[in-house]
């Protein structure tokens, strides 16, 4: 069955006519600030920003562009700069961000036999490493859980439920079957 999900992994570029091409992106912090940056590998950059920022960050838009175009945008929007590549989300900055398109989702195949945690991660665009950081475990441990080689501990199940919204019966199917058989 095909599901629609954002595949940011396809957002990689290289050289074009001797200049590095990539993406100028705008990421909001939910506090009225926006980071306007450039990256040749937007997926990797988004993962890094999400792990570095204390609050929630959200991709507001992106456009294929060169590093030079990002520098020019910074110069034009300098009046709203709060530091580095961060700007107040107002005036010309807000207008600039509004004109940036969001990536269009595209259908991808979802493996119906995959562990529900893996299906959730793929649909959410979250890597094993990123989820492991969020629930304070190792990516190897999550991989073993997704491959049916390990059962998560009670504390880890609680963290996974809080992070993913998946029910306990999905994360502990053997235990769920035991109680279903007893009733």
N, C-alpha and C. Protein backbone atom coordinates (compact mmCIF):
# COMPACT_ATOMS: atom_id res chain seq x y z
N UNK A 1 0.84 -1.16 0.00
CA UNK A 1 0.00 0.00 0.00
C UNK A 1 0.89 1.24 0.00
N UNK A 2 0.59 2.19 -0.83
CA UNK A 2 1.41 3.40 -0.92
C UNK A 2 0.90 4.43 0.08
N UNK A 3 1.80 5.09 0.74
CA UNK A 3 1.46 6.18 1.64
C UNK A 3 2.15 7.42 1.12
N UNK A 4 1.60 8.56 1.45
CA UNK A 4 2.24 9.80 1.06
C UNK A 4 3.10 10.27 2.21
N UNK A 5 4.34 10.54 1.93
CA UNK A 5 5.22 11.06 2.96
C UNK A 5 6.25 11.97 2.31
N UNK A 6 6.78 12.84 3.11
CA UNK A 6 7.81 13.76 2.64
C UNK A 6 9.13 13.03 2.60
N UNK A 7 9.75 13.00 1.45
CA UNK A 7 11.05 12.35 1.32
C UNK A 7 12.09 13.44 1.11
N UNK A 8 12.54 14.02 2.19
CA UNK A 8 13.53 15.08 2.12
C UNK A 8 14.86 14.53 1.63
N UNK A 9 15.05 13.22 1.74
CA UNK A 9 16.32 12.62 1.33
C UNK A 9 16.63 12.88 -0.14
N UNK A 10 15.62 13.19 -0.94
CA UNK A 10 15.87 13.46 -2.34
C UNK A 10 16.37 14.89 -2.55
N UNK A 11 16.46 15.66 -1.49
CA UNK A 11 16.84 17.05 -1.60
C UNK A 11 18.35 17.21 -1.49
N UNK A 12 19.06 16.69 -2.45
CA UNK A 12 20.52 16.82 -2.48
C UNK A 12 20.92 17.32 -3.86
N UNK A 13 21.87 18.20 -3.87
CA UNK A 13 22.35 18.72 -5.15
C UNK A 13 23.86 18.83 -5.14
N UNK A 14 24.43 19.22 -6.25
CA UNK A 14 25.87 19.32 -6.37
C UNK A 14 26.28 20.58 -7.09
N UNK A 15 27.20 20.44 -8.05
CA UNK A 15 27.70 21.61 -8.77
C UNK A 15 26.86 21.89 -10.01
N UNK A 16 26.68 23.16 -10.29
CA UNK A 16 25.95 23.58 -11.47
C UNK A 16 26.71 24.78 -12.04
N UNK A 17 27.24 24.64 -13.21
CA UNK A 17 28.00 25.70 -13.88
C UNK A 17 29.08 26.27 -12.96
N UNK A 18 29.80 25.37 -12.26
CA UNK A 18 30.90 25.80 -11.43
C UNK A 18 30.51 26.32 -10.06
N UNK A 19 29.20 26.38 -9.75
CA UNK A 19 28.76 26.88 -8.45
C UNK A 19 28.04 25.76 -7.71
N UNK A 20 28.23 25.75 -6.40
CA UNK A 20 27.53 24.76 -5.59
C UNK A 20 26.04 25.09 -5.56
N UNK A 21 25.23 24.10 -5.90
CA UNK A 21 23.80 24.29 -5.79
C UNK A 21 23.29 23.45 -4.63
N UNK A 22 22.22 23.88 -4.09
CA UNK A 22 21.60 23.19 -2.97
C UNK A 22 20.27 23.84 -2.72
N UNK A 23 20.00 24.15 -1.46
CA UNK A 23 18.71 24.72 -1.10
C UNK A 23 18.88 25.85 -0.10
N UNK A 24 18.17 26.94 -0.34
CA UNK A 24 17.99 27.96 0.68
C UNK A 24 16.71 27.54 1.40
N UNK A 25 16.79 27.47 2.72
CA UNK A 25 15.65 26.99 3.50
C UNK A 25 15.33 28.00 4.59
N UNK A 26 14.10 27.94 5.06
CA UNK A 26 13.66 28.74 6.20
C UNK A 26 13.09 27.78 7.23
N UNK A 27 13.61 27.87 8.45
CA UNK A 27 13.14 27.01 9.54
C UNK A 27 12.71 27.92 10.68
N UNK A 28 11.49 27.73 11.14
CA UNK A 28 10.97 28.52 12.25
C UNK A 28 11.19 27.82 13.57
N UNK A 29 11.36 28.62 14.63
CA UNK A 29 11.55 28.04 15.96
C UNK A 29 10.28 28.11 16.81
N UNK A 30 9.18 28.61 16.24
CA UNK A 30 7.93 28.71 16.99
C UNK A 30 7.90 29.88 17.97
N UNK A 31 8.96 30.67 18.00
CA UNK A 31 9.07 31.80 18.94
C UNK A 31 9.22 33.12 18.18
N UNK A 32 8.82 33.13 16.89
CA UNK A 32 8.90 34.35 16.11
C UNK A 32 10.23 34.58 15.44
N UNK A 33 11.08 33.54 15.41
CA UNK A 33 12.37 33.65 14.74
C UNK A 33 12.43 32.61 13.63
N UNK A 34 13.25 32.92 12.63
CA UNK A 34 13.42 32.00 11.50
C UNK A 34 14.90 31.96 11.12
N UNK A 35 15.37 30.78 10.83
CA UNK A 35 16.75 30.61 10.36
C UNK A 35 16.67 30.49 8.85
N UNK A 36 17.40 31.33 8.17
CA UNK A 36 17.49 31.26 6.71
C UNK A 36 18.90 30.78 6.41
N UNK A 37 18.98 29.57 5.88
CA UNK A 37 20.28 28.97 5.64
C UNK A 37 20.35 28.31 4.28
N UNK A 38 21.50 27.70 4.02
CA UNK A 38 21.74 27.01 2.77
C UNK A 38 22.36 25.66 3.07
N UNK A 39 21.98 24.65 2.30
CA UNK A 39 22.58 23.34 2.46
C UNK A 39 22.50 22.57 1.15
N UNK A 40 23.56 21.81 0.86
CA UNK A 40 23.54 20.91 -0.29
C UNK A 40 22.82 19.62 0.06
N UNK A 41 22.71 19.31 1.36
CA UNK A 41 22.04 18.09 1.83
C UNK A 41 21.04 18.51 2.91
N UNK A 42 19.85 18.87 2.47
CA UNK A 42 18.85 19.44 3.37
C UNK A 42 18.40 18.45 4.44
N UNK A 43 18.27 17.20 4.12
CA UNK A 43 17.85 16.22 5.12
C UNK A 43 18.83 16.19 6.29
N UNK A 44 20.11 16.07 5.98
CA UNK A 44 21.13 16.03 7.03
C UNK A 44 21.10 17.32 7.86
N UNK A 45 20.91 18.45 7.19
CA UNK A 45 20.88 19.74 7.90
C UNK A 45 19.68 19.81 8.84
N UNK A 46 18.50 19.36 8.38
CA UNK A 46 17.31 19.39 9.21
C UNK A 46 17.47 18.51 10.45
N UNK A 47 18.04 17.34 10.27
CA UNK A 47 18.26 16.44 11.40
C UNK A 47 19.19 17.10 12.42
N UNK A 48 20.25 17.72 11.93
CA UNK A 48 21.21 18.40 12.82
C UNK A 48 20.54 19.55 13.57
N UNK A 49 19.76 20.35 12.87
CA UNK A 49 19.09 21.48 13.52
C UNK A 49 18.10 21.00 14.57
N UNK A 50 17.38 19.93 14.27
CA UNK A 50 16.41 19.41 15.23
C UNK A 50 17.10 18.90 16.49
N UNK A 51 18.30 18.34 16.34
CA UNK A 51 19.00 17.85 17.53
C UNK A 51 19.69 18.99 18.28
N UNK A 52 20.05 20.08 17.61
CA UNK A 52 20.76 21.18 18.25
C UNK A 52 19.84 22.20 18.92
N UNK A 53 18.65 22.38 18.40
CA UNK A 53 17.75 23.41 18.93
C UNK A 53 16.97 22.88 20.13
N UNK A 54 16.88 23.68 21.19
CA UNK A 54 16.17 23.21 22.38
C UNK A 54 14.67 23.08 22.18
N UNK A 55 14.10 23.88 21.29
CA UNK A 55 12.67 23.81 21.03
C UNK A 55 12.38 23.08 19.72
N UNK A 56 11.12 23.09 19.36
CA UNK A 56 10.69 22.45 18.12
C UNK A 56 11.04 23.35 16.94
N UNK A 57 11.62 22.80 15.89
CA UNK A 57 11.88 23.55 14.68
C UNK A 57 11.03 22.97 13.56
N UNK A 58 10.61 23.85 12.66
CA UNK A 58 9.72 23.43 11.58
C UNK A 58 10.19 24.03 10.26
N UNK A 59 10.26 23.17 9.24
CA UNK A 59 10.61 23.65 7.90
C UNK A 59 9.45 24.49 7.38
N UNK A 60 9.73 25.75 7.07
CA UNK A 60 8.70 26.67 6.59
C UNK A 60 8.71 26.78 5.08
N UNK A 61 9.84 26.47 4.45
CA UNK A 61 9.93 26.54 3.01
C UNK A 61 11.36 26.34 2.56
N UNK A 62 11.52 26.09 1.27
CA UNK A 62 12.85 25.88 0.70
C UNK A 62 12.78 26.10 -0.80
N UNK A 63 13.92 26.43 -1.36
CA UNK A 63 13.99 26.63 -2.80
C UNK A 63 15.39 26.27 -3.27
N UNK A 64 15.49 25.69 -4.45
CA UNK A 64 16.80 25.37 -5.00
C UNK A 64 17.53 26.68 -5.28
N UNK A 65 18.77 26.77 -4.77
CA UNK A 65 19.52 28.02 -4.90
C UNK A 65 20.99 27.76 -4.63
N UNK A 66 21.79 28.80 -4.85
CA UNK A 66 23.22 28.71 -4.58
C UNK A 66 23.52 29.36 -3.24
N UNK A 67 24.71 29.10 -2.75
CA UNK A 67 25.18 29.72 -1.51
C UNK A 67 25.24 31.24 -1.66
N UNK A 68 25.60 31.69 -2.84
CA UNK A 68 25.67 33.12 -3.11
C UNK A 68 24.30 33.78 -2.98
N UNK A 69 23.25 33.07 -3.42
CA UNK A 69 21.90 33.62 -3.31
C UNK A 69 21.46 33.70 -1.84
N UNK A 70 21.88 32.73 -1.04
CA UNK A 70 21.58 32.79 0.39
C UNK A 70 22.26 34.01 1.01
N UNK A 71 23.53 34.25 0.66
CA UNK A 71 24.27 35.40 1.17
C UNK A 71 23.58 36.70 0.79
N UNK A 72 23.11 36.78 -0.46
CA UNK A 72 22.40 37.97 -0.92
C UNK A 72 21.11 38.18 -0.13
N UNK A 73 20.37 37.10 0.14
CA UNK A 73 19.14 37.20 0.93
C UNK A 73 19.46 37.72 2.33
N UNK A 74 20.54 37.23 2.94
CA UNK A 74 20.94 37.70 4.27
C UNK A 74 21.23 39.20 4.25
N UNK A 75 21.89 39.66 3.20
CA UNK A 75 22.20 41.10 3.10
C UNK A 75 20.92 41.92 2.98
N UNK A 76 19.99 41.46 2.16
CA UNK A 76 18.73 42.19 1.96
C UNK A 76 17.86 42.19 3.21
N UNK A 77 17.97 41.16 4.02
CA UNK A 77 17.11 41.02 5.21
C UNK A 77 17.84 41.40 6.50
N UNK A 78 19.03 42.00 6.37
CA UNK A 78 19.87 42.30 7.52
C UNK A 78 19.19 43.11 8.61
N UNK A 79 18.27 43.96 8.24
CA UNK A 79 17.57 44.80 9.21
C UNK A 79 16.83 43.97 10.27
N UNK A 80 16.43 42.75 9.92
CA UNK A 80 15.64 41.89 10.82
C UNK A 80 16.50 40.81 11.49
N UNK A 81 17.81 40.85 11.27
CA UNK A 81 18.70 39.83 11.82
C UNK A 81 18.77 39.95 13.35
N UNK A 82 18.69 38.78 14.02
CA UNK A 82 18.86 38.75 15.47
C UNK A 82 20.19 38.14 15.85
N UNK A 83 20.83 37.46 14.92
CA UNK A 83 22.15 36.88 15.16
C UNK A 83 22.42 35.75 14.19
N UNK A 84 23.63 35.72 13.64
CA UNK A 84 24.00 34.67 12.70
C UNK A 84 23.03 34.60 11.52
N UNK A 85 22.43 33.45 11.33
CA UNK A 85 21.46 33.25 10.24
C UNK A 85 20.02 33.33 10.74
N UNK A 86 19.82 33.84 11.96
CA UNK A 86 18.48 33.92 12.55
C UNK A 86 17.93 35.33 12.39
N UNK A 87 16.63 35.41 12.02
CA UNK A 87 15.96 36.66 11.75
C UNK A 87 14.62 36.69 12.48
N UNK A 88 14.13 37.91 12.76
CA UNK A 88 12.77 38.05 13.28
C UNK A 88 11.80 37.75 12.14
N UNK A 89 10.77 36.99 12.41
CA UNK A 89 9.80 36.62 11.38
C UNK A 89 8.76 37.73 11.26
N UNK A 90 9.17 38.80 10.59
CA UNK A 90 8.30 39.95 10.39
C UNK A 90 8.78 40.71 9.16
N UNK A 91 7.98 41.64 8.69
CA UNK A 91 8.35 42.48 7.57
C UNK A 91 8.76 41.69 6.34
N UNK A 92 9.88 42.08 5.75
CA UNK A 92 10.37 41.45 4.52
C UNK A 92 10.75 39.99 4.75
N UNK A 93 11.16 39.65 5.97
CA UNK A 93 11.51 38.25 6.26
C UNK A 93 10.25 37.39 6.14
N UNK A 94 9.15 37.84 6.72
CA UNK A 94 7.89 37.10 6.63
C UNK A 94 7.45 36.97 5.18
N UNK A 95 7.59 38.03 4.41
CA UNK A 95 7.22 37.97 2.99
C UNK A 95 8.11 36.99 2.23
N UNK A 96 9.41 37.00 2.52
CA UNK A 96 10.34 36.07 1.88
C UNK A 96 9.97 34.63 2.20
N UNK A 97 9.71 34.36 3.47
CA UNK A 97 9.37 33.00 3.90
C UNK A 97 8.07 32.53 3.24
N UNK A 98 7.09 33.43 3.14
CA UNK A 98 5.81 33.07 2.53
C UNK A 98 5.96 32.68 1.06
N UNK A 99 6.94 33.23 0.39
CA UNK A 99 7.11 32.90 -1.04
C UNK A 99 7.89 31.61 -1.26
N UNK A 100 8.53 31.09 -0.21
CA UNK A 100 9.27 29.83 -0.35
C UNK A 100 8.29 28.66 -0.36
N UNK A 101 8.37 27.81 -1.37
CA UNK A 101 7.46 26.66 -1.38
C UNK A 101 7.92 25.58 -0.41
N UNK A 102 6.95 24.82 0.10
CA UNK A 102 7.25 23.62 0.87
C UNK A 102 7.42 22.48 -0.11
N UNK A 103 8.25 21.51 0.21
CA UNK A 103 8.40 20.36 -0.70
C UNK A 103 7.09 19.61 -0.84
N UNK A 104 6.85 19.12 -2.03
CA UNK A 104 5.63 18.35 -2.29
C UNK A 104 5.82 16.91 -1.86
N UNK A 105 4.88 16.38 -1.07
CA UNK A 105 4.98 14.96 -0.72
C UNK A 105 4.85 14.10 -1.97
N UNK A 106 5.47 12.94 -1.94
CA UNK A 106 5.32 12.00 -3.04
C UNK A 106 5.04 10.62 -2.47
N UNK A 107 4.30 9.81 -3.20
CA UNK A 107 3.99 8.48 -2.68
C UNK A 107 5.24 7.63 -2.57
N UNK A 108 5.31 6.86 -1.51
CA UNK A 108 6.38 5.89 -1.34
C UNK A 108 5.74 4.59 -0.88
N UNK A 109 6.40 3.50 -1.18
CA UNK A 109 5.88 2.21 -0.75
C UNK A 109 6.18 2.02 0.73
N UNK A 110 5.19 1.53 1.43
CA UNK A 110 5.34 1.23 2.85
C UNK A 110 5.28 -0.28 2.99
N UNK A 111 6.28 -0.85 3.62
CA UNK A 111 6.34 -2.29 3.81
C UNK A 111 5.33 -2.69 4.88
N UNK A 112 4.23 -3.35 4.51
CA UNK A 112 3.21 -3.70 5.50
C UNK A 112 3.71 -4.72 6.52
N UNK A 113 4.79 -5.42 6.21
CA UNK A 113 5.34 -6.41 7.14
C UNK A 113 6.35 -5.81 8.11
N UNK A 114 6.71 -4.54 7.91
CA UNK A 114 7.69 -3.90 8.79
C UNK A 114 7.08 -3.69 10.18
N UNK A 115 7.94 -3.64 11.17
CA UNK A 115 7.52 -3.36 12.55
C UNK A 115 6.80 -2.01 12.57
N UNK A 116 5.73 -1.87 13.34
CA UNK A 116 5.00 -0.59 13.39
C UNK A 116 5.88 0.60 13.77
N UNK A 117 6.88 0.37 14.61
CA UNK A 117 7.78 1.46 14.97
C UNK A 117 8.55 1.95 13.75
N UNK A 118 9.00 1.02 12.92
CA UNK A 118 9.73 1.40 11.70
C UNK A 118 8.79 2.11 10.72
N UNK A 119 7.56 1.61 10.60
CA UNK A 119 6.60 2.28 9.71
C UNK A 119 6.33 3.70 10.21
N UNK A 120 6.20 3.87 11.53
CA UNK A 120 5.98 5.20 12.09
C UNK A 120 7.16 6.11 11.78
N UNK A 121 8.39 5.60 11.99
CA UNK A 121 9.58 6.40 11.72
C UNK A 121 9.65 6.83 10.27
N UNK A 122 9.42 5.88 9.35
CA UNK A 122 9.49 6.18 7.92
C UNK A 122 8.44 7.22 7.53
N UNK A 123 7.23 7.07 8.05
CA UNK A 123 6.17 8.03 7.74
C UNK A 123 6.46 9.41 8.32
N UNK A 124 7.19 9.43 9.45
CA UNK A 124 7.51 10.69 10.11
C UNK A 124 8.80 11.31 9.61
N UNK A 125 9.57 10.54 8.82
CA UNK A 125 10.85 11.05 8.32
C UNK A 125 11.91 11.16 9.40
N UNK A 126 11.84 10.29 10.40
CA UNK A 126 12.78 10.33 11.52
C UNK A 126 13.74 9.15 11.43
N UNK A 127 15.01 9.40 11.61
CA UNK A 127 16.01 8.34 11.55
C UNK A 127 16.07 7.58 12.87
N UNK A 128 16.68 6.40 12.82
CA UNK A 128 16.91 5.63 14.05
C UNK A 128 17.72 6.44 15.05
N UNK A 129 18.76 7.10 14.56
CA UNK A 129 19.64 7.88 15.45
C UNK A 129 18.85 9.00 16.13
N UNK A 130 18.02 9.71 15.36
CA UNK A 130 17.25 10.82 15.91
C UNK A 130 16.25 10.32 16.95
N UNK A 131 15.52 9.24 16.63
CA UNK A 131 14.56 8.69 17.59
C UNK A 131 15.27 8.18 18.83
N UNK A 132 16.41 7.55 18.65
CA UNK A 132 17.17 7.04 19.80
C UNK A 132 17.54 8.17 20.75
N UNK A 133 17.96 9.31 20.20
CA UNK A 133 18.29 10.47 21.05
C UNK A 133 17.06 10.94 21.80
N UNK A 134 15.92 10.97 21.11
CA UNK A 134 14.69 11.48 21.72
C UNK A 134 14.21 10.60 22.88
N UNK A 135 14.48 9.29 22.80
CA UNK A 135 13.99 8.37 23.85
C UNK A 135 15.12 7.84 24.72
N UNK A 136 16.30 8.42 24.59
CA UNK A 136 17.45 8.10 25.45
C UNK A 136 17.83 6.61 25.41
N UNK A 137 18.06 6.12 24.19
CA UNK A 137 18.55 4.76 24.00
C UNK A 137 19.52 4.78 22.82
N UNK A 138 19.98 3.62 22.40
CA UNK A 138 20.89 3.56 21.26
C UNK A 138 20.12 3.23 19.99
N UNK A 139 20.67 3.65 18.86
CA UNK A 139 20.02 3.32 17.59
C UNK A 139 20.09 1.81 17.34
N UNK A 140 21.15 1.16 17.86
CA UNK A 140 21.28 -0.30 17.70
C UNK A 140 20.14 -1.01 18.43
N UNK A 141 19.81 -0.53 19.61
CA UNK A 141 18.71 -1.13 20.38
C UNK A 141 17.39 -0.97 19.64
N UNK A 142 17.13 0.22 19.10
CA UNK A 142 15.90 0.44 18.34
C UNK A 142 15.87 -0.45 17.09
N UNK A 143 17.01 -0.61 16.44
CA UNK A 143 17.08 -1.48 15.26
C UNK A 143 16.71 -2.91 15.63
N UNK A 144 17.23 -3.39 16.76
CA UNK A 144 16.91 -4.76 17.20
C UNK A 144 15.42 -4.89 17.52
N UNK A 145 14.83 -3.86 18.10
CA UNK A 145 13.39 -3.88 18.39
C UNK A 145 12.61 -3.95 17.08
N UNK A 146 12.99 -3.10 16.12
CA UNK A 146 12.29 -3.09 14.82
C UNK A 146 12.45 -4.41 14.07
N UNK A 147 13.53 -5.11 14.29
CA UNK A 147 13.77 -6.39 13.61
C UNK A 147 13.27 -7.59 14.41
N UNK A 148 12.60 -7.33 15.54
CA UNK A 148 12.04 -8.41 16.34
C UNK A 148 13.08 -9.19 17.13
N UNK A 149 14.27 -8.65 17.28
CA UNK A 149 15.36 -9.33 17.99
C UNK A 149 15.44 -8.94 19.46
N UNK A 150 14.67 -7.94 19.86
CA UNK A 150 14.73 -7.45 21.23
C UNK A 150 13.36 -6.91 21.62
N UNK A 151 12.99 -7.11 22.87
CA UNK A 151 11.76 -6.55 23.42
C UNK A 151 12.15 -5.31 24.21
N UNK A 152 11.46 -4.20 24.01
CA UNK A 152 11.83 -2.99 24.75
C UNK A 152 11.48 -3.12 26.23
N UNK A 153 12.27 -2.48 27.07
CA UNK A 153 12.02 -2.46 28.51
C UNK A 153 10.80 -1.60 28.79
N UNK A 154 10.25 -1.74 29.99
CA UNK A 154 9.09 -0.93 30.38
C UNK A 154 9.34 0.57 30.28
N UNK A 155 10.47 1.06 30.84
CA UNK A 155 10.74 2.50 30.72
C UNK A 155 10.88 2.96 29.26
N UNK A 156 11.50 2.13 28.42
CA UNK A 156 11.64 2.50 27.02
C UNK A 156 10.29 2.50 26.32
N UNK A 157 9.44 1.54 26.64
CA UNK A 157 8.09 1.51 26.05
C UNK A 157 7.36 2.80 26.39
N UNK A 158 7.43 3.25 27.64
CA UNK A 158 6.76 4.49 28.03
C UNK A 158 7.30 5.68 27.23
N UNK A 159 8.62 5.74 27.05
CA UNK A 159 9.21 6.84 26.27
C UNK A 159 8.77 6.77 24.80
N UNK A 160 8.74 5.56 24.24
CA UNK A 160 8.32 5.39 22.85
C UNK A 160 6.85 5.77 22.66
N UNK A 161 6.02 5.40 23.62
CA UNK A 161 4.60 5.77 23.55
C UNK A 161 4.47 7.29 23.57
N UNK A 162 5.20 7.95 24.49
CA UNK A 162 5.14 9.41 24.60
C UNK A 162 5.64 10.09 23.33
N UNK A 163 6.67 9.54 22.70
CA UNK A 163 7.26 10.16 21.52
C UNK A 163 6.47 9.87 20.25
N UNK A 164 5.98 8.64 20.11
CA UNK A 164 5.37 8.22 18.84
C UNK A 164 3.85 8.18 18.86
N UNK A 165 3.27 8.02 20.04
CA UNK A 165 1.83 7.87 20.12
C UNK A 165 1.36 6.45 19.81
N UNK A 166 2.32 5.55 19.55
CA UNK A 166 1.95 4.16 19.28
C UNK A 166 1.45 3.51 20.57
N UNK A 167 0.44 2.64 20.48
CA UNK A 167 -0.05 1.98 21.69
C UNK A 167 0.92 0.89 22.16
N UNK A 168 0.86 0.60 23.46
CA UNK A 168 1.74 -0.41 24.06
C UNK A 168 1.57 -1.76 23.39
N UNK A 169 0.36 -2.12 22.98
CA UNK A 169 0.13 -3.43 22.36
C UNK A 169 0.92 -3.60 21.06
N UNK A 170 1.23 -2.48 20.42
CA UNK A 170 2.02 -2.53 19.18
C UNK A 170 3.50 -2.71 19.51
N UNK A 171 3.95 -2.08 20.58
CA UNK A 171 5.35 -2.16 20.97
C UNK A 171 5.67 -3.45 21.73
N UNK A 172 4.66 -4.04 22.34
CA UNK A 172 4.82 -5.29 23.09
C UNK A 172 3.78 -6.31 22.60
N UNK A 173 3.87 -6.74 21.35
CA UNK A 173 2.81 -7.61 20.79
C UNK A 173 2.69 -8.95 21.51
N UNK A 174 3.79 -9.52 21.99
CA UNK A 174 3.72 -10.81 22.69
C UNK A 174 2.92 -10.67 23.97
N UNK A 175 3.12 -9.59 24.70
CA UNK A 175 2.38 -9.35 25.92
C UNK A 175 0.91 -9.11 25.61
N UNK A 176 0.63 -8.38 24.55
CA UNK A 176 -0.75 -8.12 24.16
C UNK A 176 -1.45 -9.44 23.82
N UNK A 177 -0.78 -10.33 23.08
CA UNK A 177 -1.38 -11.64 22.72
C UNK A 177 -1.65 -12.46 23.97
N UNK A 178 -0.77 -12.40 24.96
CA UNK A 178 -0.94 -13.13 26.20
C UNK A 178 -2.23 -12.71 26.90
N UNK A 179 -2.46 -11.38 26.96
CA UNK A 179 -3.66 -10.90 27.63
C UNK A 179 -4.91 -11.15 26.79
N UNK A 180 -4.80 -11.11 25.47
CA UNK A 180 -5.94 -11.43 24.61
C UNK A 180 -6.34 -12.89 24.78
N UNK A 181 -5.36 -13.79 24.92
CA UNK A 181 -5.64 -15.21 25.08
C UNK A 181 -6.29 -15.49 26.44
N UNK A 182 -5.94 -14.69 27.45
CA UNK A 182 -6.47 -14.90 28.80
C UNK A 182 -7.90 -14.39 28.93
N UNK A 183 -8.33 -13.53 28.05
CA UNK A 183 -9.68 -12.96 28.20
C UNK A 183 -10.72 -13.70 27.41
